[in-house]
Amino acid sequence: MRNSIAHGRSVALRMVALQLTATGLLAFALSLHGMRSALAAAVGGAAVALGNALFALRLFGAGPAPVRRPLQAAYVAEALKWAWLVAVLYLAIAVWRLDFLPLIAGVLLAQFAFWLALVVFR
């Protein structure tokens, strides 16, 4: 029998590592096109990966709890993750003026890695 909290932490850690690895590979590939494109892809992918890390930290950080608390923590964690992603994308597009296509490519690749990790690391 698995300890669901320990297993959840382990899966979250591996998931974020996979997302960051995929993002790093994309950024490396795009560095041949220019450092600005590589930076945009890295920021996009890292925003998704770190958002999932924030989610996991909020969800699994408290340890065992009554039934309602983990559900509430999941709602708060999801809201925190989305707020983080929106803030980083706003900064990347409006303030730092990073290239849009590599930024979105980083976001999409990190999200694809998330879905892949859900299948592989369950």
C-alpha atoms as a PDB file:
ATOM      1  CA  MET A   1       0.000   0.000   0.000  1.00  0.00           C
ATOM      2  CA  ARG A   2       1.312   3.439  -0.934  1.00  0.00           C
ATOM      3  CA  ASN A   3       1.414   6.419   1.368  1.00  0.00           C
ATOM      4  CA  SER A   4      -0.615   8.824  -0.762  1.00  0.00           C
ATOM      5  CA  ILE A   5       1.134  11.963   0.524  1.00  0.00           C
ATOM      6  CA  ALA A   6       4.646  10.588   0.024  1.00  0.00           C
ATOM      7  CA  HIS A   7       3.689   9.144  -3.348  1.00  0.00           C
ATOM      8  CA  GLY A   8       2.103  12.454  -4.386  1.00  0.00           C
ATOM      9  CA  ARG A   9       5.246  14.357  -3.437  1.00  0.00           C
ATOM     10  CA  SER A  10       7.395  11.899  -5.347  1.00  0.00           C
ATOM     11  CA  VAL A  11       5.221  12.103  -8.468  1.00  0.00           C
ATOM     12  CA  ALA A  12       5.129  15.908  -8.267  1.00  0.00           C
ATOM     13  CA  LEU A  13       8.917  16.098  -7.983  1.00  0.00           C
ATOM     14  CA  ARG A  14       9.434  13.807 -10.972  1.00  0.00           C
ATOM     15  CA  MET A  15       6.768  15.672 -12.946  1.00  0.00           C
ATOM     16  CA  VAL A  16       8.380  19.065 -12.380  1.00  0.00           C
ATOM     17  CA  ALA A  17      11.805  17.597 -13.201  1.00  0.00           C
ATOM     18  CA  LEU A  18      10.440  16.224 -16.493  1.00  0.00           C
ATOM     19  CA  GLN A  19       8.856  19.574 -17.329  1.00  0.00           C
ATOM     20  CA  LEU A  20      12.071  21.473 -16.593  1.00  0.00           C
ATOM     21  CA  THR A  21      14.136  18.973 -18.602  1.00  0.00           C
ATOM     22  CA  ALA A  22      11.842  19.271 -21.627  1.00  0.00           C
ATOM     23  CA  THR A  23      11.896  23.063 -21.300  1.00  0.00           C
ATOM     24  CA  GLY A  24      15.685  23.079 -21.084  1.00  0.00           C
ATOM     25  CA  LEU A  25      15.977  20.953 -24.222  1.00  0.00           C
ATOM     26  CA  LEU A  26      13.608  23.252 -26.092  1.00  0.00           C
ATOM     27  CA  ALA A  27      15.510  26.327 -24.937  1.00  0.00           C
ATOM     28  CA  PHE A  28      18.785  24.715 -26.025  1.00  0.00           C
ATOM     29  CA  ALA A  29      17.344  23.915 -29.458  1.00  0.00           C
ATOM     30  CA  LEU A  30      15.989  27.444 -29.827  1.00  0.00           C
ATOM     31  CA  SER A  31      19.316  28.960 -28.785  1.00  0.00           C
ATOM     32  CA  LEU A  32      20.455  28.182 -32.329  1.00  0.00           C
ATOM     33  CA  HIS A  33      17.789  30.640 -33.499  1.00  0.00           C
ATOM     34  CA  GLY A  34      18.767  33.258 -30.925  1.00  0.00           C
ATOM     35  CA  MET A  35      19.172  33.732 -27.204  1.00  0.00           C
ATOM     36  CA  ARG A  36      15.989  35.788 -27.004  1.00  0.00           C
ATOM     37  CA  SER A  37      13.952  32.878 -28.367  1.00  0.00           C
ATOM     38  CA  ALA A  38      15.664  30.482 -25.982  1.00  0.00           C
ATOM     39  CA  LEU A  39      14.918  32.782 -23.051  1.00  0.00           C
ATOM     40  CA  ALA A  40      11.269  33.081 -24.051  1.00  0.00           C
ATOM     41  CA  ALA A  41      10.879  29.287 -24.254  1.00  0.00           C
ATOM     42  CA  ALA A  42      12.634  28.852 -20.919  1.00  0.00           C
ATOM     43  CA  VAL A  43      10.388  31.411 -19.227  1.00  0.00           C
ATOM     44  CA  GLY A  44       7.223  29.848 -20.665  1.00  0.00           C
ATOM     45  CA  GLY A  45       8.120  26.310 -19.670  1.00  0.00           C
ATOM     46  CA  ALA A  46       9.479  27.304 -16.280  1.00  0.00           C
ATOM     47  CA  ALA A  47       6.269  29.212 -15.528  1.00  0.00           C
ATOM     48  CA  VAL A  48       4.223  26.041 -16.015  1.00  0.00           C
ATOM     49  CA  ALA A  49       6.685  23.809 -14.148  1.00  0.00           C
ATOM     50  CA  LEU A  50       7.013  26.168 -11.194  1.00  0.00           C
ATOM     51  CA  GLY A  51       3.245  26.617 -11.124  1.00  0.00           C
ATOM     52  CA  ASN A  52       2.902  22.857 -10.740  1.00  0.00           C
ATOM     53  CA  ALA A  53       5.583  22.910  -8.041  1.00  0.00           C
ATOM     54  CA  LEU A  54       3.588  25.579  -6.165  1.00  0.00           C
ATOM     55  CA  PHE A  55       0.486  23.434  -6.549  1.00  0.00           C
ATOM     56  CA  ALA A  56       2.241  20.378  -5.123  1.00  0.00           C
ATOM     57  CA  LEU A  57       3.803  22.340  -2.289  1.00  0.00           C
ATOM     58  CA  ARG A  58       0.428  23.734  -1.275  1.00  0.00           C
ATOM     59  CA  LEU A  59      -1.368  20.409  -1.673  1.00  0.00           C
ATOM     60  CA  PHE A  60       1.152  18.052  -0.059  1.00  0.00           C
ATOM     61  CA  GLY A  61       2.955  20.444   2.274  1.00  0.00           C
ATOM     62  CA  ALA A  62       0.561  20.201   5.214  1.00  0.00           C
ATOM     63  CA  GLY A  63       0.722  16.426   5.638  1.00  0.00           C
ATOM     64  CA  PRO A  64      -2.245  14.348   6.825  1.00  0.00           C
ATOM     65  CA  ALA A  65      -5.420  16.326   7.456  1.00  0.00           C
ATOM     66  CA  PRO A  66      -9.187  15.920   7.830  1.00  0.00           C
ATOM     67  CA  VAL A  67     -11.095  15.155   4.642  1.00  0.00           C
ATOM     68  CA  ARG A  68     -12.211  18.690   3.805  1.00  0.00           C
ATOM     69  CA  ARG A  69      -8.804  20.302   4.221  1.00  0.00           C
ATOM     70  CA  PRO A  70      -7.097  18.539   1.263  1.00  0.00           C
ATOM     71  CA  LEU A  71     -10.027  19.415  -0.983  1.00  0.00           C
ATOM     72  CA  GLN A  72      -9.827  23.063   0.045  1.00  0.00           C
ATOM     73  CA  ALA A  73      -6.046  22.934  -0.370  1.00  0.00           C
ATOM     74  CA  ALA A  74      -6.505  21.599  -3.901  1.00  0.00           C
ATOM     75  CA  TYR A  75      -8.794  24.506  -4.802  1.00  0.00           C
ATOM     76  CA  VAL A  76      -6.410  27.058  -3.320  1.00  0.00           C
ATOM     77  CA  ALA A  77      -3.419  25.367  -4.968  1.00  0.00           C
ATOM     78  CA  GLU A  78      -5.093  25.436  -8.386  1.00  0.00           C
ATOM     79  CA  ALA A  79      -5.975  29.121  -7.993  1.00  0.00           C
ATOM     80  CA  LEU A  80      -2.389  29.857  -6.912  1.00  0.00           C
ATOM     81  CA  LYS A  81      -1.008  27.969  -9.915  1.00  0.00           C
ATOM     82  CA  TRP A  82      -3.189  29.897 -12.362  1.00  0.00           C
ATOM     83  CA  ALA A  83      -2.441  33.246 -10.739  1.00  0.00           C
ATOM     84  CA  TRP A  84       1.283  32.476 -10.994  1.00  0.00           C
ATOM     85  CA  LEU A  85       1.001  31.495 -14.674  1.00  0.00           C
ATOM     86  CA  VAL A  86      -1.035  34.572 -15.598  1.00  0.00           C
ATOM     87  CA  ALA A  87       1.401  36.864 -13.755  1.00  0.00           C
ATOM     88  CA  VAL A  88       4.467  35.373 -15.443  1.00  0.00           C
ATOM     89  CA  LEU A  89       2.865  35.432 -18.897  1.00  0.00           C
ATOM     90  CA  TYR A  90       1.838  39.052 -18.375  1.00  0.00           C
ATOM     91  CA  LEU A  91       5.381  39.981 -17.363  1.00  0.00           C
ATOM     92  CA  ALA A  92       6.896  38.022 -20.248  1.00  0.00           C
ATOM     93  CA  ILE A  93       4.642  39.556 -22.902  1.00  0.00           C
ATOM     94  CA  ALA A  94       3.896  43.081 -21.666  1.00  0.00           C
ATOM     95  CA  VAL A  95       6.920  43.994 -19.569  1.00  0.00           C
ATOM     96  CA  TRP A  96       9.882  41.948 -20.801  1.00  0.00           C
ATOM     97  CA  ARG A  97       8.553  41.833 -24.394  1.00  0.00           C
ATOM     98  CA  LEU A  98       9.776  38.298 -25.039  1.00  0.00           C
ATOM     99  CA  ASP A  99       9.087  36.582 -28.358  1.00  0.00           C
ATOM    100  CA  PHE A 100       5.542  35.235 -28.289  1.00  0.00           C
ATOM    101  CA  LEU A 101       5.856  31.993 -30.290  1.00  0.00           C
ATOM    102  CA  PRO A 102       8.816  30.547 -28.355  1.00  0.00           C
ATOM    103  CA  LEU A 103       7.115  31.583 -25.090  1.00  0.00           C
ATOM    104  CA  ILE A 104       3.941  29.717 -26.002  1.00  0.00           C
ATOM    105  CA  ALA A 105       5.996  26.777 -27.312  1.00  0.00           C
ATOM    106  CA  GLY A 106       7.625  26.534 -23.881  1.00  0.00           C
ATOM    107  CA  VAL A 107       4.243  26.653 -22.149  1.00  0.00           C
ATOM    108  CA  LEU A 108       2.769  23.993 -24.437  1.00  0.00           C
ATOM    109  CA  LEU A 109       5.780  21.682 -24.200  1.00  0.00           C
ATOM    110  CA  ALA A 110       5.806  21.887 -20.401  1.00  0.00           C
ATOM    111  CA  GLN A 111       2.067  21.167 -20.332  1.00  0.00           C
ATOM    112  CA  PHE A 112       2.550  18.206 -22.675  1.00  0.00           C
ATOM    113  CA  ALA A 113       5.293  16.919 -20.363  1.00  0.00           C
ATOM    114  CA  PHE A 114       2.799  17.263 -17.480  1.00  0.00           C
ATOM    115  CA  TRP A 115       0.249  15.108 -19.316  1.00  0.00           C
ATOM    116  CA  LEU A 116       2.937  12.576 -20.208  1.00  0.00           C
ATOM    117  CA  ALA A 117       4.049  12.432 -16.592  1.00  0.00           C
ATOM    118  CA  LEU A 118       0.468  11.782 -15.467  1.00  0.00           C
ATOM    119  CA  VAL A 119       0.470   8.624 -17.597  1.00  0.00           C
ATOM    120  CA  VAL A 120       4.028   7.491 -16.875  1.00  0.00           C
ATOM    121  CA  PHE A 121       4.476   8.310 -13.167  1.00  0.00           C
ATOM    122  CA  ARG A 122       1.089   7.281 -11.769  1.00  0.00           C
END
